[in-house]
Amino acid sequence: MNKDQVKGSIEKTKGDVQQAVGKVVGSEKMQAEGAANKAAGTVQKAAGDVKEAAKDAVKAGNRKP
């Protein structure tokens, strides 16, 4: 797991919490901000997943049969 995966997961969780709080207090703005943070976290985690897959592919390619 790399830092983009971790940061993305944290940002996504923060977005989930912000959306829930916005719903409870009736703030559409907070809900929208939470949705945006959640989306940004999902994108960042996906970028981290790609980096991790590339790193694993390089490691697998460096192994000698």
N, C-alpha and C. Protein backbone atom coordinates (compact mmCIF):
# COMPACT_ATOMS: atom_id res chain seq x y z
N MET A 1 0.85 -1.17 0.00
CA MET A 1 0.00 0.00 0.00
C MET A 1 0.90 1.24 0.00
N ASN A 2 0.57 2.19 -0.88
CA ASN A 2 1.39 3.40 -0.96
C ASN A 2 0.63 4.60 -0.39
N LYS A 3 1.33 5.74 -0.34
CA LYS A 3 0.74 6.91 0.34
C LYS A 3 -0.50 7.43 -0.38
N ASP A 4 -0.58 7.30 -1.71
CA ASP A 4 -1.78 7.76 -2.41
C ASP A 4 -2.98 6.90 -2.05
N GLN A 5 -2.77 5.61 -1.88
CA GLN A 5 -3.86 4.73 -1.47
C GLN A 5 -4.36 5.11 -0.08
N VAL A 6 -3.43 5.36 0.83
CA VAL A 6 -3.80 5.71 2.20
C VAL A 6 -4.50 7.07 2.24
N LYS A 7 -3.89 8.07 1.61
CA LYS A 7 -4.48 9.42 1.61
C LYS A 7 -5.85 9.41 0.93
N GLY A 8 -5.97 8.65 -0.15
CA GLY A 8 -7.25 8.56 -0.84
C GLY A 8 -8.33 7.94 0.02
N SER A 9 -7.97 6.88 0.73
CA SER A 9 -8.94 6.23 1.62
C SER A 9 -9.37 7.17 2.75
N ILE A 10 -8.42 7.91 3.29
CA ILE A 10 -8.73 8.86 4.36
C ILE A 10 -9.65 9.96 3.83
N GLU A 11 -9.33 10.49 2.67
CA GLU A 11 -10.14 11.57 2.09
C GLU A 11 -11.55 11.07 1.79
N LYS A 12 -11.66 9.86 1.30
CA LYS A 12 -12.98 9.28 1.01
C LYS A 12 -13.79 9.14 2.29
N THR A 13 -13.16 8.68 3.35
CA THR A 13 -13.84 8.54 4.64
C THR A 13 -14.27 9.89 5.17
N LYS A 14 -13.39 10.89 5.07
CA LYS A 14 -13.75 12.24 5.50
C LYS A 14 -14.97 12.74 4.72
N GLY A 15 -15.00 12.46 3.43
CA GLY A 15 -16.14 12.86 2.61
C GLY A 15 -17.42 12.19 3.05
N ASP A 16 -17.33 10.90 3.37
CA ASP A 16 -18.50 10.17 3.86
C ASP A 16 -19.04 10.80 5.15
N VAL A 17 -18.12 11.11 6.06
CA VAL A 17 -18.51 11.71 7.34
C VAL A 17 -19.11 13.10 7.11
N GLN A 18 -18.47 13.88 6.25
CA GLN A 18 -18.96 15.24 5.98
C GLN A 18 -20.35 15.18 5.35
N GLN A 19 -20.57 14.24 4.45
CA GLN A 19 -21.90 14.09 3.85
C GLN A 19 -22.94 13.74 4.92
N ALA A 20 -22.59 12.81 5.79
CA ALA A 20 -23.53 12.38 6.83
C ALA A 20 -23.86 13.54 7.78
N VAL A 21 -22.84 14.28 8.19
CA VAL A 21 -23.07 15.42 9.08
C VAL A 21 -23.93 16.46 8.37
N GLY A 22 -23.64 16.72 7.11
CA GLY A 22 -24.43 17.67 6.34
C GLY A 22 -25.89 17.26 6.25
N LYS A 23 -26.12 15.96 6.11
CA LYS A 23 -27.49 15.46 6.05
C LYS A 23 -28.20 15.66 7.39
N VAL A 24 -27.48 15.37 8.48
CA VAL A 24 -28.06 15.49 9.82
C VAL A 24 -28.42 16.94 10.14
N VAL A 25 -27.53 17.86 9.80
CA VAL A 25 -27.78 19.27 10.12
C VAL A 25 -28.57 19.99 9.04
N GLY A 26 -28.85 19.29 7.94
CA GLY A 26 -29.65 19.88 6.87
C GLY A 26 -28.89 20.87 6.00
N SER A 27 -27.59 20.67 5.86
CA SER A 27 -26.77 21.58 5.05
C SER A 27 -26.44 20.93 3.71
N GLU A 28 -27.09 21.41 2.67
CA GLU A 28 -26.82 20.88 1.33
C GLU A 28 -25.39 21.21 0.90
N LYS A 29 -24.89 22.37 1.32
CA LYS A 29 -23.52 22.76 0.98
C LYS A 29 -22.52 21.76 1.56
N MET A 30 -22.70 21.40 2.82
CA MET A 30 -21.80 20.45 3.47
C MET A 30 -21.90 19.08 2.80
N GLN A 31 -23.11 18.69 2.43
CA GLN A 31 -23.29 17.41 1.75
C GLN A 31 -22.55 17.41 0.41
N ALA A 32 -22.64 18.52 -0.32
CA ALA A 32 -21.97 18.64 -1.62
C ALA A 32 -20.45 18.62 -1.45
N GLU A 33 -19.96 19.32 -0.43
CA GLU A 33 -18.52 19.31 -0.16
C GLU A 33 -18.05 17.90 0.20
N GLY A 34 -18.86 17.20 0.97
CA GLY A 34 -18.54 15.83 1.33
C GLY A 34 -18.49 14.93 0.12
N ALA A 35 -19.44 15.11 -0.79
CA ALA A 35 -19.45 14.31 -2.02
C ALA A 35 -18.21 14.60 -2.87
N ALA A 36 -17.82 15.87 -2.92
CA ALA A 36 -16.62 16.24 -3.68
C ALA A 36 -15.37 15.63 -3.05
N ASN A 37 -15.27 15.69 -1.73
CA ASN A 37 -14.12 15.09 -1.04
C ASN A 37 -14.08 13.58 -1.24
N LYS A 38 -15.25 12.97 -1.20
CA LYS A 38 -15.34 11.53 -1.39
C LYS A 38 -14.86 11.16 -2.80
N ALA A 39 -15.30 11.92 -3.80
CA ALA A 39 -14.89 11.67 -5.18
C ALA A 39 -13.38 11.87 -5.35
N ALA A 40 -12.86 12.93 -4.74
CA ALA A 40 -11.42 13.20 -4.83
C ALA A 40 -10.63 12.07 -4.18
N GLY A 41 -11.12 11.58 -3.06
CA GLY A 41 -10.45 10.46 -2.39
C GLY A 41 -10.48 9.20 -3.22
N THR A 42 -11.59 8.96 -3.88
CA THR A 42 -11.71 7.78 -4.74
C THR A 42 -10.72 7.85 -5.89
N VAL A 43 -10.60 9.04 -6.49
CA VAL A 43 -9.65 9.22 -7.59
C VAL A 43 -8.21 9.04 -7.11
N GLN A 44 -7.89 9.62 -5.95
CA GLN A 44 -6.53 9.51 -5.43
C GLN A 44 -6.19 8.06 -5.09
N LYS A 45 -7.14 7.33 -4.52
CA LYS A 45 -6.90 5.93 -4.21
C LYS A 45 -6.71 5.13 -5.49
N ALA A 46 -7.50 5.42 -6.51
CA ALA A 46 -7.36 4.72 -7.79
C ALA A 46 -5.98 4.98 -8.40
N ALA A 47 -5.49 6.21 -8.29
CA ALA A 47 -4.15 6.53 -8.79
C ALA A 47 -3.11 5.73 -8.01
N GLY A 48 -3.30 5.62 -6.72
CA GLY A 48 -2.39 4.81 -5.90
C GLY A 48 -2.45 3.34 -6.27
N ASP A 49 -3.64 2.85 -6.60
CA ASP A 49 -3.79 1.46 -7.03
C ASP A 49 -3.01 1.21 -8.32
N VAL A 50 -3.07 2.18 -9.25
CA VAL A 50 -2.35 2.05 -10.51
C VAL A 50 -0.85 2.03 -10.26
N LYS A 51 -0.38 2.94 -9.41
CA LYS A 51 1.05 2.98 -9.08
C LYS A 51 1.50 1.65 -8.47
N GLU A 52 0.69 1.13 -7.56
CA GLU A 52 1.03 -0.12 -6.89
C GLU A 52 1.08 -1.28 -7.90
N ALA A 53 0.11 -1.30 -8.81
CA ALA A 53 0.08 -2.36 -9.82
C ALA A 53 1.30 -2.26 -10.73
N ALA A 54 1.68 -1.04 -11.10
CA ALA A 54 2.87 -0.85 -11.94
C ALA A 54 4.13 -1.31 -11.21
N LYS A 55 4.22 -0.97 -9.94
CA LYS A 55 5.38 -1.38 -9.14
C LYS A 55 5.45 -2.91 -9.05
N ASP A 56 4.30 -3.54 -8.83
CA ASP A 56 4.26 -5.00 -8.76
C ASP A 56 4.64 -5.64 -10.10
N ALA A 57 4.20 -5.02 -11.20
CA ALA A 57 4.52 -5.55 -12.53
C ALA A 57 6.02 -5.46 -12.79
N VAL A 58 6.64 -4.35 -12.37
CA VAL A 58 8.08 -4.20 -12.54
C VAL A 58 8.82 -5.25 -11.72
N LYS A 59 8.38 -5.44 -10.48
CA LYS A 59 9.02 -6.45 -9.64
C LYS A 59 8.89 -7.83 -10.25
N ALA A 60 7.71 -8.15 -10.78
CA ALA A 60 7.49 -9.46 -11.39
C ALA A 60 8.35 -9.62 -12.64
N GLY A 61 8.55 -8.55 -13.39
CA GLY A 61 9.37 -8.60 -14.59
C GLY A 61 10.84 -8.74 -14.29
N ASN A 62 11.27 -8.31 -13.11
CA ASN A 62 12.67 -8.41 -12.72
C ASN A 62 13.06 -9.78 -12.19
N ARG A 63 12.08 -10.61 -11.92
CA ARG A 63 12.38 -11.95 -11.41
C ARG A 63 12.90 -12.82 -12.54
N LYS A 64 13.92 -13.59 -12.25
CA LYS A 64 14.48 -14.48 -13.25
C LYS A 64 13.86 -15.86 -13.07
N PRO A 65 13.48 -16.47 -14.20
CA PRO A 65 12.86 -17.81 -14.11
C PRO A 65 13.80 -18.88 -13.65
